[in-house]
N, C-alpha and C. Protein backbone atom coordinates (compact mmCIF):
# COMPACT_ATOMS: atom_id res chain seq x y z
N MET A 1 107.30 114.93 46.47
CA MET A 1 107.58 115.46 47.75
C MET A 1 108.89 116.25 47.66
N LYS A 2 108.92 117.37 48.51
CA LYS A 2 110.15 118.26 48.36
C LYS A 2 111.05 117.94 49.65
N LEU A 3 112.32 118.07 49.38
CA LEU A 3 113.27 117.76 50.60
C LEU A 3 113.36 118.96 51.30
N LEU A 4 112.99 118.97 52.67
CA LEU A 4 113.15 119.99 53.52
C LEU A 4 114.12 120.07 54.57
N ASN A 5 114.23 118.86 55.39
CA ASN A 5 115.31 118.80 56.47
C ASN A 5 115.14 120.01 57.32
N LYS A 6 113.97 120.19 58.00
CA LYS A 6 113.46 121.21 58.94
C LYS A 6 113.59 120.36 60.41
N GLN A 7 114.30 121.18 61.21
CA GLN A 7 114.00 120.58 62.62
C GLN A 7 112.61 121.01 63.14
N ILE A 8 111.97 120.11 63.93
CA ILE A 8 110.73 120.22 64.34
C ILE A 8 110.52 119.68 65.99
N ASP A 9 109.47 120.47 66.49
CA ASP A 9 109.27 119.76 67.98
C ASP A 9 108.39 118.70 67.82
N MET A 10 108.50 117.53 68.57
CA MET A 10 107.95 116.40 68.39
C MET A 10 107.39 116.04 69.67
N ILE A 11 106.03 115.30 69.66
CA ILE A 11 105.66 114.60 70.83
C ILE A 11 105.65 112.81 70.35
N SER A 12 106.24 112.08 70.98
CA SER A 12 106.07 110.60 70.65
C SER A 12 105.97 109.67 71.74
N TRP A 13 105.65 108.52 71.41
CA TRP A 13 105.56 107.42 72.44
C TRP A 13 106.66 106.60 72.32
N THR A 14 107.20 106.06 73.37
CA THR A 14 108.09 104.98 73.25
C THR A 14 107.65 104.04 74.18
N SER A 15 107.42 102.58 73.67
CA SER A 15 107.05 101.65 74.39
C SER A 15 108.20 100.99 75.17
N LYS A 16 107.74 100.06 75.95
CA LYS A 16 108.80 99.66 77.17
C LYS A 16 109.61 98.63 76.36
N GLU A 17 109.33 98.23 75.10
CA GLU A 17 110.20 97.59 74.22
C GLU A 17 111.16 98.35 73.53
N GLY A 18 111.11 99.74 73.56
CA GLY A 18 111.86 100.72 72.91
C GLY A 18 111.25 101.05 71.59
N ILE A 19 110.05 100.86 71.14
CA ILE A 19 109.51 101.18 69.90
C ILE A 19 108.96 102.61 70.00
N VAL A 20 109.54 103.51 69.07
CA VAL A 20 109.27 104.95 69.08
C VAL A 20 108.04 105.03 68.01
N THR A 21 106.98 105.80 68.46
CA THR A 21 105.79 106.31 67.44
C THR A 21 105.68 107.74 67.62
N PRO A 22 105.70 108.44 66.58
CA PRO A 22 105.45 109.86 66.41
C PRO A 22 103.98 110.10 66.57
N VAL A 23 103.66 111.15 67.42
CA VAL A 23 102.15 111.35 67.66
C VAL A 23 101.83 112.63 66.99
N ARG A 24 102.42 113.67 67.21
CA ARG A 24 102.28 114.94 66.63
C ARG A 24 103.37 115.98 66.67
N PHE A 25 103.47 116.87 65.93
CA PHE A 25 104.78 117.60 65.77
C PHE A 25 104.20 119.20 65.46
N ARG A 26 105.21 119.97 65.74
CA ARG A 26 104.98 121.45 65.56
C ARG A 26 106.09 121.92 64.55
N MET A 27 105.53 122.81 63.56
CA MET A 27 106.34 123.27 62.51
C MET A 27 106.15 124.79 61.98
N GLU A 28 106.95 125.30 61.33
CA GLU A 28 106.53 126.44 60.85
C GLU A 28 106.29 126.45 59.29
N GLU A 29 105.10 127.15 59.21
CA GLU A 29 104.65 126.95 57.59
C GLU A 29 104.01 128.27 57.31
N SER A 30 104.56 128.91 56.20
CA SER A 30 104.16 130.38 55.80
C SER A 30 104.22 131.35 56.76
N GLY A 31 105.13 131.38 57.76
CA GLY A 31 105.36 132.25 58.90
C GLY A 31 104.62 132.00 60.07
N GLU A 32 103.58 131.05 59.98
CA GLU A 32 102.99 130.77 61.18
C GLU A 32 103.22 129.20 61.80
N THR A 33 102.96 129.04 62.94
CA THR A 33 103.19 127.78 63.69
C THR A 33 102.00 126.79 63.52
N VAL A 34 102.17 125.65 62.91
CA VAL A 34 101.16 124.67 62.59
C VAL A 34 101.41 123.40 63.58
N VAL A 35 100.44 122.89 64.22
CA VAL A 35 100.53 121.72 65.03
C VAL A 35 99.91 120.66 64.16
N VAL A 36 100.56 119.44 63.82
CA VAL A 36 100.16 118.43 62.77
C VAL A 36 100.10 117.08 63.65
N LYS A 37 98.86 116.41 63.70
CA LYS A 37 98.81 115.15 64.26
C LYS A 37 98.97 114.12 63.33
N VAL A 38 99.92 113.11 63.75
CA VAL A 38 100.18 112.16 62.75
C VAL A 38 98.92 111.13 62.91
N THR A 39 98.33 110.88 61.64
CA THR A 39 97.21 110.19 61.53
C THR A 39 97.52 108.65 61.22
N ARG A 40 98.52 108.29 60.58
CA ARG A 40 99.00 106.96 60.41
C ARG A 40 100.45 106.81 60.01
N VAL A 41 101.20 105.69 60.55
CA VAL A 41 102.43 105.67 60.17
C VAL A 41 102.25 104.47 59.09
N LEU A 42 102.86 104.79 57.86
CA LEU A 42 102.77 103.87 56.71
C LEU A 42 103.90 102.97 56.62
N ARG A 43 105.21 103.35 56.92
CA ARG A 43 106.57 102.48 57.06
C ARG A 43 107.47 103.06 57.83
N ILE A 44 108.37 102.19 58.38
CA ILE A 44 109.37 102.62 59.16
C ILE A 44 110.79 101.88 58.84
N ASP A 45 111.65 102.66 58.43
CA ASP A 45 112.93 102.15 57.97
C ASP A 45 113.96 102.55 59.09
N LYS A 46 114.86 101.41 59.33
CA LYS A 46 115.91 101.77 60.25
C LYS A 46 117.14 101.81 59.32
N THR A 47 117.86 102.93 59.41
CA THR A 47 119.24 103.12 58.67
C THR A 47 120.33 103.53 59.66
N LEU A 48 121.43 103.75 59.07
CA LEU A 48 122.64 104.36 59.73
C LEU A 48 122.99 105.58 58.98
N MET A 49 123.05 106.77 59.60
CA MET A 49 123.23 108.10 58.90
C MET A 49 124.49 108.58 59.64
N GLY A 50 125.71 108.47 58.95
CA GLY A 50 126.91 108.90 59.70
C GLY A 50 127.33 107.95 60.64
N GLY A 51 126.90 106.78 60.59
CA GLY A 51 127.27 105.80 61.61
C GLY A 51 126.27 105.71 62.90
N ALA A 52 125.35 106.68 62.83
CA ALA A 52 124.40 106.55 63.98
C ALA A 52 122.95 106.00 63.59
N PRO A 53 122.37 105.21 64.50
CA PRO A 53 121.18 104.74 64.14
C PRO A 53 120.05 105.80 63.93
N THR A 54 119.32 105.69 62.95
CA THR A 54 118.31 106.66 62.50
C THR A 54 116.97 105.65 62.22
N LEU A 55 115.95 106.49 62.67
CA LEU A 55 114.51 105.86 62.09
C LEU A 55 113.90 106.92 61.12
N CYS A 56 113.38 106.34 60.06
CA CYS A 56 112.68 107.13 59.07
C CYS A 56 111.21 106.67 58.99
N PHE A 57 110.37 107.58 59.28
CA PHE A 57 108.86 107.30 59.27
C PHE A 57 108.27 108.15 58.15
N ARG A 58 107.47 106.98 57.20
CA ARG A 58 106.65 107.76 56.27
C ARG A 58 105.20 107.63 56.81
N CYS A 59 104.62 108.92 56.98
CA CYS A 59 103.28 109.09 57.79
C CYS A 59 102.31 109.91 56.89
N THR A 60 101.01 109.76 57.32
CA THR A 60 100.01 110.67 56.74
C THR A 60 99.45 111.53 57.86
N SER A 61 98.90 112.73 57.37
CA SER A 61 98.07 113.61 58.33
C SER A 61 97.35 114.29 57.54
N VAL A 62 96.25 114.89 57.97
CA VAL A 62 95.03 115.69 57.23
C VAL A 62 95.41 117.12 57.77
N LEU A 63 95.79 117.98 56.83
CA LEU A 63 96.16 119.30 57.14
C LEU A 63 95.32 120.33 56.30
N HIS A 64 94.69 121.18 56.79
CA HIS A 64 93.71 121.97 55.87
C HIS A 64 92.74 121.32 55.02
N GLY A 65 92.29 120.15 55.60
CA GLY A 65 91.16 119.29 54.75
C GLY A 65 91.86 118.50 53.85
N THR A 66 93.20 118.44 53.69
CA THR A 66 93.65 117.54 52.64
C THR A 66 94.68 116.51 53.15
N GLU A 67 94.67 115.25 52.75
CA GLU A 67 95.63 114.17 53.49
C GLU A 67 96.83 114.38 52.85
N ARG A 68 98.00 114.56 53.58
CA ARG A 68 99.44 114.74 52.99
C ARG A 68 100.41 113.47 53.50
N ILE A 69 101.14 113.10 52.83
CA ILE A 69 102.15 112.15 53.03
C ILE A 69 103.54 113.00 53.15
N TYR A 70 104.29 112.51 54.27
CA TYR A 70 105.64 113.15 54.62
C TYR A 70 106.46 112.29 55.32
N GLU A 71 107.72 112.60 55.47
CA GLU A 71 108.60 111.63 56.09
C GLU A 71 109.27 112.26 57.19
N LEU A 72 109.37 111.65 58.47
CA LEU A 72 109.93 112.11 59.47
C LEU A 72 111.09 111.35 60.04
N THR A 73 112.24 111.86 60.49
CA THR A 73 113.39 111.26 60.78
C THR A 73 113.81 111.57 62.26
N TYR A 74 114.06 110.51 62.96
CA TYR A 74 114.59 110.50 64.30
C TYR A 74 116.02 110.02 64.50
N HIS A 75 116.93 111.02 64.69
CA HIS A 75 118.32 110.59 64.95
C HIS A 75 118.47 110.32 66.41
N SER A 76 118.64 109.01 66.77
CA SER A 76 118.67 108.80 68.18
C SER A 76 120.09 109.09 68.88
N ALA A 77 121.10 109.41 68.06
CA ALA A 77 122.32 109.85 68.85
C ALA A 77 122.26 111.20 69.27
N THR A 78 121.41 112.11 68.46
CA THR A 78 121.21 113.36 69.06
C THR A 78 119.93 113.73 69.62
N GLN A 79 118.79 112.67 69.53
CA GLN A 79 117.62 112.84 69.94
C GLN A 79 116.75 113.98 69.17
N GLN A 80 116.98 114.16 67.87
CA GLN A 80 116.41 115.36 67.15
C GLN A 80 115.48 114.55 66.18
N TRP A 81 114.55 115.42 65.73
CA TRP A 81 113.56 114.99 64.85
C TRP A 81 113.62 116.02 63.68
N LEU A 82 113.36 115.63 62.39
CA LEU A 82 113.33 116.43 61.24
C LEU A 82 112.36 115.98 60.44
N LEU A 83 111.70 117.14 59.76
CA LEU A 83 110.59 116.91 58.93
C LEU A 83 111.43 116.78 57.39
N LYS A 84 111.67 115.63 56.90
CA LYS A 84 112.78 115.42 55.90
C LYS A 84 112.13 115.64 54.52
N LYS A 85 110.97 115.13 54.31
CA LYS A 85 110.24 115.46 53.03
C LYS A 85 108.74 115.74 53.20
N ALA A 86 108.15 116.54 52.45
CA ALA A 86 106.82 116.78 52.46
C ALA A 86 106.07 117.27 51.25
């Protein structure tokens, strides 16, 4: 996996207990906009990045007929999503 740290547009669910689940996101790839549906969340890690709570999701999706594994990061202090690794 390559380290990307790209900002992305995200649609996510948040349960009444406060559990965040990514659903799909939009990113730029080779000059075009691609919408990626999160097929499965494999792992969720809670960390502190610069003292702010951060959630790191390892996920899979099928893109162009190939299953890909990638990492999404949610920074709760700034409410921003990053495509960290792909």
